[in-house]
All heavy atoms as atom14 arrays in JSON, in Angstrom:
{
  "sequence": "QATLALCDEDSQAIVRYKLFLDKSFREIALEMCVAESTVKTKYYKAI",
  "atom14_mask": [
    [1, 1, 1, 1, 1, 1, 1, 1, 1, 0, 0, 0, 0, 0],
    [1, 1, 1, 1, 1, 0, 0, 0, 0, 0, 0, 0, 0, 0],
    [1, 1, 1, 1, 1, 1, 1, 0, 0, 0, 0, 0, 0, 0],
    [1, 1, 1, 1, 1, 1, 1, 1, 0, 0, 0, 0, 0, 0],
    [1, 1, 1, 1, 1, 0, 0, 0, 0, 0, 0, 0, 0, 0],
    [1, 1, 1, 1, 1, 1, 1, 1, 0, 0, 0, 0, 0, 0],
    [1, 1, 1, 1, 1, 1, 0, 0, 0, 0, 0, 0, 0, 0],
    [1, 1, 1, 1, 1, 1, 1, 1, 0, 0, 0, 0, 0, 0],
    [1, 1, 1, 1, 1, 1, 1, 1, 1, 0, 0, 0, 0, 0],
    [1, 1, 1, 1, 1, 1, 1, 1, 0, 0, 0, 0, 0, 0],
    [1, 1, 1, 1, 1, 1, 0, 0, 0, 0, 0, 0, 0, 0],
    [1, 1, 1, 1, 1, 1, 1, 1, 1, 0, 0, 0, 0, 0],
    [1, 1, 1, 1, 1, 0, 0, 0, 0, 0, 0, 0, 0, 0],
    [1, 1, 1, 1, 1, 1, 1, 1, 0, 0, 0, 0, 0, 0],
    [1, 1, 1, 1, 1, 1, 1, 0, 0, 0, 0, 0, 0, 0],
    [1, 1, 1, 1, 1, 1, 1, 1, 1, 1, 1, 0, 0, 0],
    [1, 1, 1, 1, 1, 1, 1, 1, 1, 1, 1, 1, 0, 0],
    [1, 1, 1, 1, 1, 1, 1, 1, 1, 0, 0, 0, 0, 0],
    [1, 1, 1, 1, 1, 1, 1, 1, 0, 0, 0, 0, 0, 0],
    [1, 1, 1, 1, 1, 1, 1, 1, 1, 1, 1, 0, 0, 0],
    [1, 1, 1, 1, 1, 1, 1, 1, 0, 0, 0, 0, 0, 0],
    [1, 1, 1, 1, 1, 1, 1, 1, 0, 0, 0, 0, 0, 0],
    [1, 1, 1, 1, 1, 1, 1, 1, 1, 0, 0, 0, 0, 0],
    [1, 1, 1, 1, 1, 1, 0, 0, 0, 0, 0, 0, 0, 0],
    [1, 1, 1, 1, 1, 1, 1, 1, 1, 1, 1, 0, 0, 0],
    [1, 1, 1, 1, 1, 1, 1, 1, 1, 1, 1, 0, 0, 0],
    [1, 1, 1, 1, 1, 1, 1, 1, 1, 0, 0, 0, 0, 0],
    [1, 1, 1, 1, 1, 1, 1, 1, 0, 0, 0, 0, 0, 0],
    [1, 1, 1, 1, 1, 0, 0, 0, 0, 0, 0, 0, 0, 0],
    [1, 1, 1, 1, 1, 1, 1, 1, 0, 0, 0, 0, 0, 0],
    [1, 1, 1, 1, 1, 1, 1, 1, 1, 0, 0, 0, 0, 0],
    [1, 1, 1, 1, 1, 1, 1, 1, 0, 0, 0, 0, 0, 0],
    [1, 1, 1, 1, 1, 1, 0, 0, 0, 0, 0, 0, 0, 0],
    [1, 1, 1, 1, 1, 1, 1, 0, 0, 0, 0, 0, 0, 0],
    [1, 1, 1, 1, 1, 0, 0, 0, 0, 0, 0, 0, 0, 0],
    [1, 1, 1, 1, 1, 1, 1, 1, 1, 0, 0, 0, 0, 0],
    [1, 1, 1, 1, 1, 1, 0, 0, 0, 0, 0, 0, 0, 0],
    [1, 1, 1, 1, 1, 1, 1, 0, 0, 0, 0, 0, 0, 0],
    [1, 1, 1, 1, 1, 1, 1, 0, 0, 0, 0, 0, 0, 0],
    [1, 1, 1, 1, 1, 1, 1, 1, 1, 0, 0, 0, 0, 0],
    [1, 1, 1, 1, 1, 1, 1, 0, 0, 0, 0, 0, 0, 0],
    [1, 1, 1, 1, 1, 1, 1, 1, 1, 0, 0, 0, 0, 0],
    [1, 1, 1, 1, 1, 1, 1, 1, 1, 1, 1, 1, 0, 0],
    [1, 1, 1, 1, 1, 1, 1, 1, 1, 1, 1, 1, 0, 0],
    [1, 1, 1, 1, 1, 1, 1, 1, 1, 0, 0, 0, 0, 0],
    [1, 1, 1, 1, 1, 0, 0, 0, 0, 0, 0, 0, 0, 0],
    [1, 1, 1, 1, 1, 1, 1, 1, 0, 0, 0, 0, 0, 0]
  ],
  "atom14_positions": [
    [[0.83, -1.21, 0.0], [0.0, 0.0, 0.0], [0.86, 1.26, 0.0], [0.57, 2.22, -0.7], [-0.95, 0.0, 1.2], [-1.97, -1.11, 1.19], [-2.99, -1.02, 0.09], [-3.02, -0.1, -0.71], [-3.86, -2.01, 0.02], [0.0, 0.0, 0.0], [0.0, 0.0, 0.0], [0.0, 0.0, 0.0], [0.0, 0.0, 0.0], [0.0, 0.0, 0.0]],
    [[1.92, 1.26, 0.8], [2.81, 2.43, 0.86], [3.48, 2.66, -0.49], [3.6, 3.8, -0.96], [3.85, 2.23, 1.95], [0.0, 0.0, 0.0], [0.0, 0.0, 0.0], [0.0, 0.0, 0.0], [0.0, 0.0, 0.0], [0.0, 0.0, 0.0], [0.0, 0.0, 0.0], [0.0, 0.0, 0.0], [0.0, 0.0, 0.0], [0.0, 0.0, 0.0]],
    [[3.89, 1.59, -1.13], [4.53, 1.7, -2.44], [3.52, 2.11, -3.5], [3.81, 2.94, -4.36], [5.21, 0.37, -2.81], [6.1, 0.0, -1.75], [5.99, 0.5, -4.09], [0.0, 0.0, 0.0], [0.0, 0.0, 0.0], [0.0, 0.0, 0.0], [0.0, 0.0, 0.0], [0.0, 0.0, 0.0], [0.0, 0.0, 0.0], [0.0, 0.0, 0.0]],
    [[2.33, 1.55, -3.43], [1.28, 1.88, -4.39], [0.91, 3.37, -4.32], [0.58, 3.98, -5.33], [0.04, 1.01, -4.13], [-1.07, 1.03, -5.16], [-0.56, 0.7, -6.55], [-2.17, 0.05, -4.76], [0.0, 0.0, 0.0], [0.0, 0.0, 0.0], [0.0, 0.0, 0.0], [0.0, 0.0, 0.0], [0.0, 0.0, 0.0], [0.0, 0.0, 0.0]],
    [[1.04, 3.96, -3.14], [0.73, 5.38, -2.98], [1.67, 6.27, -3.78], [1.37, 7.45, -4.01], [0.78, 5.76, -1.5], [0.0, 0.0, 0.0], [0.0, 0.0, 0.0], [0.0, 0.0, 0.0], [0.0, 0.0, 0.0], [0.0, 0.0, 0.0], [0.0, 0.0, 0.0], [0.0, 0.0, 0.0], [0.0, 0.0, 0.0], [0.0, 0.0, 0.0]],
    [[2.79, 5.73, -4.25], [3.73, 6.5, -5.08], [3.21, 6.68, -6.5], [3.67, 7.54, -7.22], [5.09, 5.8, -5.12], [5.8, 5.62, -3.78], [7.06, 4.76, -3.97], [6.14, 6.96, -3.16], [0.0, 0.0, 0.0], [0.0, 0.0, 0.0], [0.0, 0.0, 0.0], [0.0, 0.0, 0.0], [0.0, 0.0, 0.0], [0.0, 0.0, 0.0]],
    [[2.25, 5.85, -6.9], [1.69, 5.9, -8.26], [0.61, 6.98, -8.34], [0.02, 7.37, -7.34], [1.07, 4.55, -8.62], [2.22, 3.18, -8.64], [0.0, 0.0, 0.0], [0.0, 0.0, 0.0], [0.0, 0.0, 0.0], [0.0, 0.0, 0.0], [0.0, 0.0, 0.0], [0.0, 0.0, 0.0], [0.0, 0.0, 0.0], [0.0, 0.0, 0.0]],
    [[0.32, 7.4, -9.58], [-0.78, 8.34, -9.79], [-2.11, 7.64, -9.48], [-2.17, 6.41, -9.43], [-0.77, 8.9, -11.21], [-1.01, 7.83, -12.26], [-0.02, 7.21, -12.71], [-2.18, 7.6, -12.6], [0.0, 0.0, 0.0], [0.0, 0.0, 0.0], [0.0, 0.0, 0.0], [0.0, 0.0, 0.0], [0.0, 0.0, 0.0], [0.0, 0.0, 0.0]],
    [[-3.17, 8.42, -9.29], [-4.46, 7.87, -8.87], [-5.03, 6.86, -9.86], [-5.58, 5.83, -9.45], [-5.47, 8.98, -8.61], [-5.24, 9.68, -7.31], [-6.36, 10.61, -6.92], [-7.52, 10.39, -7.32], [-6.07, 11.57, -6.19], [0.0, 0.0, 0.0], [0.0, 0.0, 0.0], [0.0, 0.0, 0.0], [0.0, 0.0, 0.0], [0.0, 0.0, 0.0]],
    [[-4.92, 7.12, -11.15], [-5.45, 6.17, -12.13], [-4.72, 4.84, -12.05], [-5.35, 3.78, -12.1], [-5.35, 6.74, -13.55], [-6.42, 7.78, -13.85], [-7.41, 7.86, -13.09], [-6.27, 8.52, -14.84], [0.0, 0.0, 0.0], [0.0, 0.0, 0.0], [0.0, 0.0, 0.0], [0.0, 0.0, 0.0], [0.0, 0.0, 0.0], [0.0, 0.0, 0.0]],
    [[-3.41, 4.89, -11.93], [-2.63, 3.65, -11.82], [-3.0, 2.9, -10.54], [-3.13, 1.67, -10.56], [-1.13, 3.95, -11.84], [-0.76, 4.5, -13.08], [0.0, 0.0, 0.0], [0.0, 0.0, 0.0], [0.0, 0.0, 0.0], [0.0, 0.0, 0.0], [0.0, 0.0, 0.0], [0.0, 0.0, 0.0], [0.0, 0.0, 0.0], [0.0, 0.0, 0.0]],
    [[-3.17, 3.63, -9.45], [-3.58, 2.99, -8.2], [-4.93, 2.3, -8.38], [-5.12, 1.16, -7.95], [-3.68, 4.02, -7.07], [-2.36, 4.5, -6.54], [-2.55, 5.39, -5.35], [-3.21, 5.02, -4.38], [-1.97, 6.57, -5.41], [0.0, 0.0, 0.0], [0.0, 0.0, 0.0], [0.0, 0.0, 0.0], [0.0, 0.0, 0.0], [0.0, 0.0, 0.0]],
    [[-5.86, 2.99, -9.0], [-7.2, 2.42, -9.21], [-7.11, 1.17, -10.07], [-7.74, 0.15, -9.75], [-8.11, 3.45, -9.86], [0.0, 0.0, 0.0], [0.0, 0.0, 0.0], [0.0, 0.0, 0.0], [0.0, 0.0, 0.0], [0.0, 0.0, 0.0], [0.0, 0.0, 0.0], [0.0, 0.0, 0.0], [0.0, 0.0, 0.0], [0.0, 0.0, 0.0]],
    [[-6.31, 1.21, -11.12], [-6.17, 0.05, -12.01], [-5.6, -1.14, -11.25], [-6.13, -2.25, -11.33], [-5.29, 0.41, -13.23], [-6.05, 1.38, -14.15], [-4.85, -0.84, -13.98], [-5.18, 2.05, -15.19], [0.0, 0.0, 0.0], [0.0, 0.0, 0.0], [0.0, 0.0, 0.0], [0.0, 0.0, 0.0], [0.0, 0.0, 0.0], [0.0, 0.0, 0.0]],
    [[-4.56, -0.92, -10.47], [-3.94, -2.01, -9.71], [-4.93, -2.55, -8.68], [-5.06, -3.77, -8.5], [-2.64, -1.55, -9.03], [-2.12, -2.6, -8.05], [-1.58, -1.24, -10.09], [0.0, 0.0, 0.0], [0.0, 0.0, 0.0], [0.0, 0.0, 0.0], [0.0, 0.0, 0.0], [0.0, 0.0, 0.0], [0.0, 0.0, 0.0], [0.0, 0.0, 0.0]],
    [[-5.68, -1.69, -8.02], [-6.67, -2.13, -7.03], [-7.78, -2.95, -7.69], [-8.18, -3.99, -7.17], [-7.25, -0.94, -6.28], [-6.27, -0.29, -5.35], [-6.82, 0.98, -4.71], [-5.77, 1.76, -4.11], [-5.16, 1.46, -2.98], [-5.52, 0.4, -2.3], [-4.2, 2.22, -2.5], [0.0, 0.0, 0.0], [0.0, 0.0, 0.0], [0.0, 0.0, 0.0]],
    [[-8.28, -2.48, -8.83], [-9.31, -3.25, -9.54], [-8.78, -4.63, -9.94], [-9.47, -5.62, -9.84], [-9.78, -2.51, -10.8], [-10.74, -1.37, -10.57], [-10.61, -0.18, -11.28], [-11.79, -1.48, -9.67], [-11.49, 0.86, -11.09], [-12.68, -0.44, -9.48], [-12.53, 0.74, -10.19], [-13.41, 1.76, -10.0], [0.0, 0.0, 0.0], [0.0, 0.0, 0.0]],
    [[-7.54, -4.66, -10.4], [-6.95, -5.92, -10.88], [-6.65, -6.87, -9.73], [-7.02, -8.04, -9.76], [-5.67, -5.6, -11.66], [-5.09, -6.77, -12.39], [-5.83, -7.03, -13.66], [-5.16, -8.12, -14.46], [-6.12, -8.97, -15.11], [0.0, 0.0, 0.0], [0.0, 0.0, 0.0], [0.0, 0.0, 0.0], [0.0, 0.0, 0.0], [0.0, 0.0, 0.0]],
    [[-6.0, -6.37, -8.67], [-5.58, -7.24, -7.57], [-6.71, -7.59, -6.6], [-6.8, -8.72, -6.14], [-4.44, -6.59, -6.77], [-3.12, -6.38, -7.51], [-2.11, -5.73, -6.58], [-2.6, -7.68, -8.07], [0.0, 0.0, 0.0], [0.0, 0.0, 0.0], [0.0, 0.0, 0.0], [0.0, 0.0, 0.0], [0.0, 0.0, 0.0], [0.0, 0.0, 0.0]],
    [[-7.53, -6.62, -6.26], [-8.52, -6.83, -5.2], [-9.9, -7.18, -5.7], [-10.72, -7.71, -4.96], [-8.58, -5.61, -4.27], [-7.25, -5.28, -3.66], [-6.62, -4.09, -3.92], [-6.63, -6.19, -2.82], [-5.39, -3.8, -3.35], [-5.39, -5.92, -2.25], [-4.77, -4.71, -2.52], [0.0, 0.0, 0.0], [0.0, 0.0, 0.0], [0.0, 0.0, 0.0]],
    [[-10.19, -6.88, -6.97], [-11.5, -7.24, -7.54], [-11.36, -8.26, -8.66], [-12.36, -8.72, -9.21], [-12.22, -6.01, -8.07], [-12.76, -5.05, -7.02], [-13.34, -3.81, -7.67], [-13.8, -5.73, -6.16], [0.0, 0.0, 0.0], [0.0, 0.0, 0.0], [0.0, 0.0, 0.0], [0.0, 0.0, 0.0], [0.0, 0.0, 0.0], [0.0, 0.0, 0.0]],
    [[-10.13, -8.57, -9.03], [-9.85, -9.56, -10.08], [-10.56, -9.21, -11.39], [-11.11, -10.06, -12.08], [-10.24, -10.96, -9.6], [-9.55, -12.04, -10.4], [-8.44, -11.79, -10.89], [-10.14, -13.13, -10.55], [0.0, 0.0, 0.0], [0.0, 0.0, 0.0], [0.0, 0.0, 0.0], [0.0, 0.0, 0.0], [0.0, 0.0, 0.0], [0.0, 0.0, 0.0]],
    [[-10.54, -7.92, -11.73], [-11.16, -7.45, -12.98], [-10.19, -7.66, -14.14], [-8.98, -7.59, -13.97], [-11.48, -5.96, -12.87], [-12.47, -5.6, -11.8], [-13.83, -5.5, -12.39], [-14.82, -5.03, -11.33], [-16.15, -5.1, -11.81], [0.0, 0.0, 0.0], [0.0, 0.0, 0.0], [0.0, 0.0, 0.0], [0.0, 0.0, 0.0], [0.0, 0.0, 0.0]],
    [[-10.74, -7.89, -15.31], [-9.91, -8.01, -16.51], [-9.54, -6.6, -16.99], [-10.17, -5.61, -16.59], [-10.69, -8.73, -17.62], [-11.74, -7.91, -18.1], [0.0, 0.0, 0.0], [0.0, 0.0, 0.0], [0.0, 0.0, 0.0], [0.0, 0.0, 0.0], [0.0, 0.0, 0.0], [0.0, 0.0, 0.0], [0.0, 0.0, 0.0], [0.0, 0.0, 0.0]],
    [[-8.52, -6.53, -17.85], [-8.12, -5.22, -18.38], [-9.28, -4.58, -19.14], [-9.49, -3.38, -19.05], [-6.9, -5.36, -19.29], [-5.63, -5.7, -18.56], [-4.91, -6.83, -18.89], [-5.15, -4.89, -17.55], [-3.74, -7.15, -18.23], [-3.98, -5.19, -16.87], [-3.28, -6.33, -17.21], [0.0, 0.0, 0.0], [0.0, 0.0, 0.0], [0.0, 0.0, 0.0]],
    [[-10.01, -5.39, -19.84], [-11.16, -4.87, -20.6], [-12.22, -4.28, -19.67], [-12.75, -3.2, -19.92], [-11.74, -6.0, -21.45], [-12.93, -5.58, -22.29], [-13.41, -6.77, -23.14], [-14.67, -6.47, -23.76], [-14.79, -5.87, -24.95], [-13.72, -5.53, -25.62], [-15.98, -5.63, -25.46], [0.0, 0.0, 0.0], [0.0, 0.0, 0.0], [0.0, 0.0, 0.0]],
    [[-12.53, -5.0, -18.59], [-13.53, -4.5, -17.63], [-13.07, -3.2, -17.0], [-13.86, -2.26, -16.83], [-13.77, -5.54, -16.53], [-14.49, -6.79, -17.0], [-14.51, -7.89, -15.95], [-13.49, -8.08, -15.24], [-15.56, -8.56, -15.85], [0.0, 0.0, 0.0], [0.0, 0.0, 0.0], [0.0, 0.0, 0.0], [0.0, 0.0, 0.0], [0.0, 0.0, 0.0]],
    [[-11.79, -3.13, -16.66], [-11.25, -1.91, -16.04], [-11.33, -0.76, -17.04], [-11.74, 0.35, -16.68], [-9.8, -2.14, -15.57], [-9.75, -3.2, -14.48], [-9.19, -0.82, -15.07], [-8.36, -3.69, -14.13], [0.0, 0.0, 0.0], [0.0, 0.0, 0.0], [0.0, 0.0, 0.0], [0.0, 0.0, 0.0], [0.0, 0.0, 0.0], [0.0, 0.0, 0.0]],
    [[-10.97, -1.02, -18.29], [-11.02, 0.02, -19.32], [-12.44, 0.55, -19.48], [-12.65, 1.77, -19.57], [-10.51, -0.54, -20.65], [0.0, 0.0, 0.0], [0.0, 0.0, 0.0], [0.0, 0.0, 0.0], [0.0, 0.0, 0.0], [0.0, 0.0, 0.0], [0.0, 0.0, 0.0], [0.0, 0.0, 0.0], [0.0, 0.0, 0.0], [0.0, 0.0, 0.0]],
    [[-13.41, -0.34, -19.49], [-14.81, 0.09, -19.62], [-15.25, 0.91, -18.42], [-15.93, 1.93, -18.56], [-15.73, -1.13, -19.8], [-15.61, -1.87, -21.12], [-16.41, -3.17, -21.09], [-16.06, -0.98, -22.27], [0.0, 0.0, 0.0], [0.0, 0.0, 0.0], [0.0, 0.0, 0.0], [0.0, 0.0, 0.0], [0.0, 0.0, 0.0], [0.0, 0.0, 0.0]],
    [[-14.86, 0.49, -17.22], [-15.24, 1.22, -16.01], [-14.6, 2.59, -15.93], [-15.2, 3.53, -15.44], [-14.9, 0.4, -14.77], [-15.83, -0.76, -14.57], [-15.63, -1.48, -13.25], [-15.08, -0.89, -12.3], [-16.06, -2.64, -13.17], [0.0, 0.0, 0.0], [0.0, 0.0, 0.0], [0.0, 0.0, 0.0], [0.0, 0.0, 0.0], [0.0, 0.0, 0.0]],
    [[-13.36, 2.69, -16.4], [-12.64, 3.95, -16.29], [-12.76, 4.82, -17.55], [-12.24, 5.93, -17.59], [-11.17, 3.68, -15.98], [-10.97, 3.01, -14.63], [-9.24, 2.73, -14.22], [-8.7, 4.41, -13.91], [0.0, 0.0, 0.0], [0.0, 0.0, 0.0], [0.0, 0.0, 0.0], [0.0, 0.0, 0.0], [0.0, 0.0, 0.0], [0.0, 0.0, 0.0]],
    [[-13.43, 4.28, -18.57], [-13.64, 5.0, -19.83], [-12.31, 5.4, -20.49], [-12.12, 6.56, -20.9], [-14.52, 6.23, -19.62], [-16.16, 5.83, -19.0], [0.0, 0.0, 0.0], [0.0, 0.0, 0.0], [0.0, 0.0, 0.0], [0.0, 0.0, 0.0], [0.0, 0.0, 0.0], [0.0, 0.0, 0.0], [0.0, 0.0, 0.0], [0.0, 0.0, 0.0]],
    [[-11.39, 4.45, -20.54], [-10.11, 4.66, -21.22], [-9.83, 3.44, -22.09], [-10.48, 2.4, -21.94], [-8.93, 4.87, -20.22], [-9.11, 6.15, -19.42], [-8.76, 3.7, -19.3], [0.0, 0.0, 0.0], [0.0, 0.0, 0.0], [0.0, 0.0, 0.0], [0.0, 0.0, 0.0], [0.0, 0.0, 0.0], [0.0, 0.0, 0.0], [0.0, 0.0, 0.0]],
    [[-8.86, 3.56, -22.97], [-8.5, 2.45, -23.85], [-7.88, 1.31, -23.04], [-7.18, 1.55, -22.06], [-7.51, 2.93, -24.91], [0.0, 0.0, 0.0], [0.0, 0.0, 0.0], [0.0, 0.0, 0.0], [0.0, 0.0, 0.0], [0.0, 0.0, 0.0], [0.0, 0.0, 0.0], [0.0, 0.0, 0.0], [0.0, 0.0, 0.0], [0.0, 0.0, 0.0]],
    [[-8.15, 0.09, -23.49], [-7.6, -1.08, -22.81], [-6.06, -1.04, -22.82], [-5.42, -1.42, -21.85], [-8.1, -2.36, -23.49], [-7.73, -3.62, -22.76], [-8.36, -4.87, -23.36], [-9.34, -4.75, -24.14], [-7.87, -5.97, -23.05], [0.0, 0.0, 0.0], [0.0, 0.0, 0.0], [0.0, 0.0, 0.0], [0.0, 0.0, 0.0], [0.0, 0.0, 0.0]],
    [[-5.48, -0.54, -23.91], [-4.02, -0.44, -23.99], [-3.47, 0.52, -22.93], [-2.4, 0.28, -22.36], [-3.58, 0.0, -25.39], [-4.13, 1.27, -25.7], [0.0, 0.0, 0.0], [0.0, 0.0, 0.0], [0.0, 0.0, 0.0], [0.0, 0.0, 0.0], [0.0, 0.0, 0.0], [0.0, 0.0, 0.0], [0.0, 0.0, 0.0], [0.0, 0.0, 0.0]],
    [[-4.21, 1.57, -22.64], [-3.81, 2.51, -21.59], [-3.83, 1.84, -20.23], [-2.91, 2.01, -19.43], [-4.75, 3.74, -21.58], [-4.7, 4.37, -22.86], [-4.37, 4.73, -20.5], [0.0, 0.0, 0.0], [0.0, 0.0, 0.0], [0.0, 0.0, 0.0], [0.0, 0.0, 0.0], [0.0, 0.0, 0.0], [0.0, 0.0, 0.0], [0.0, 0.0, 0.0]],
    [[-4.86, 1.05, -19.99], [-4.97, 0.32, -18.73], [-3.78, -0.63, -18.57], [-3.14, -0.66, -17.52], [-6.31, -0.46, -18.64], [-6.32, -1.41, -17.45], [-7.48, 0.5, -18.56], [0.0, 0.0, 0.0], [0.0, 0.0, 0.0], [0.0, 0.0, 0.0], [0.0, 0.0, 0.0], [0.0, 0.0, 0.0], [0.0, 0.0, 0.0], [0.0, 0.0, 0.0]],
    [[-3.48, -1.38, -19.62], [-2.36, -2.33, -19.56], [-1.04, -1.61, -19.32], [-0.23, -2.03, -18.49], [-2.28, -3.15, -20.85], [-3.37, -4.17, -21.01], [-3.23, -4.91, -22.32], [-4.34, -5.92, -22.51], [-4.22, -6.61, -23.81], [0.0, 0.0, 0.0], [0.0, 0.0, 0.0], [0.0, 0.0, 0.0], [0.0, 0.0, 0.0], [0.0, 0.0, 0.0]],
    [[-0.82, -0.53, -20.05], [0.42, 0.23, -19.9], [0.58, 0.74, -18.48], [1.64, 0.58, -17.86], [0.44, 1.41, -20.89], [0.35, 0.9, -22.23], [1.71, 2.23, -20.74], [0.0, 0.0, 0.0], [0.0, 0.0, 0.0], [0.0, 0.0, 0.0], [0.0, 0.0, 0.0], [0.0, 0.0, 0.0], [0.0, 0.0, 0.0], [0.0, 0.0, 0.0]],
    [[-0.48, 1.35, -17.93], [-0.41, 1.88, -16.57], [-0.25, 0.76, -15.54], [0.48, 0.91, -14.57], [-1.65, 2.72, -16.25], [-1.66, 4.06, -16.93], [-2.88, 4.87, -16.53], [-2.85, 6.26, -17.08], [-2.09, 7.17, -16.25], [0.0, 0.0, 0.0], [0.0, 0.0, 0.0], [0.0, 0.0, 0.0], [0.0, 0.0, 0.0], [0.0, 0.0, 0.0]],
    [[-0.91, -0.36, -15.77], [-0.82, -1.49, -14.84], [0.6, -2.03, -14.79], [1.18, -2.17, -13.71], [-1.8, -2.59, -15.25], [-1.68, -3.83, -14.4], [-2.22, -3.87, -13.11], [-1.0, -4.96, -14.86], [-2.1, -5.01, -12.32], [-0.88, -6.09, -14.07], [-1.44, -6.11, -12.8], [-1.32, -7.23, -12.02], [0.0, 0.0, 0.0], [0.0, 0.0, 0.0]],
    [[1.17, -2.32, -15.95], [2.51, -2.91, -15.97], [3.57, -1.93, -15.5], [4.54, -2.33, -14.85], [2.83, -3.49, -17.35], [2.02, -4.73, -17.64], [1.13, -4.79, -18.68], [2.14, -5.85, -16.81], [0.38, -5.94, -18.92], [1.4, -7.0, -17.04], [0.52, -7.02, -18.09], [-0.23, -8.16, -18.31], [0.0, 0.0, 0.0], [0.0, 0.0, 0.0]],
    [[3.39, -0.66, -15.79], [4.32, 0.36, -15.27], [4.24, 0.4, -13.75], [5.27, 0.45, -13.07], [3.97, 1.73, -15.87], [4.92, 2.82, -15.46], [4.55, 4.14, -16.12], [5.47, 5.25, -15.65], [5.09, 6.55, -16.21], [0.0, 0.0, 0.0], [0.0, 0.0, 0.0], [0.0, 0.0, 0.0], [0.0, 0.0, 0.0], [0.0, 0.0, 0.0]],
    [[3.04, 0.37, -13.2], [2.87, 0.38, -11.75], [3.44, -0.88, -11.11], [4.1, -0.81, -10.07], [1.38, 0.53, -11.39], [0.0, 0.0, 0.0], [0.0, 0.0, 0.0], [0.0, 0.0, 0.0], [0.0, 0.0, 0.0], [0.0, 0.0, 0.0], [0.0, 0.0, 0.0], [0.0, 0.0, 0.0], [0.0, 0.0, 0.0], [0.0, 0.0, 0.0]],
    [[3.25, -2.02, -11.74], [3.77, -3.29, -11.21], [5.3, -3.26, -11.2], [5.94, -3.69, -10.23], [3.24, -4.49, -12.03], [1.72, -4.65, -11.81], [3.99, -5.77, -11.67], [1.31, -4.91, -10.37], [0.0, 0.0, 0.0], [0.0, 0.0, 0.0], [0.0, 0.0, 0.0], [0.0, 0.0, 0.0], [0.0, 0.0, 0.0], [0.0, 0.0, 0.0]]
  ]
}
């Protein structure tokens, strides 16, 4: 959590949706109204 706080809010939200809700990249993209490629890029950068 402390390390995740270093990321921007969108990246934090993406990681939380993926890790704690087990959402797919597509589901996250639809929920956040951004491209799936953006979600993947932010997720892997945050990881």
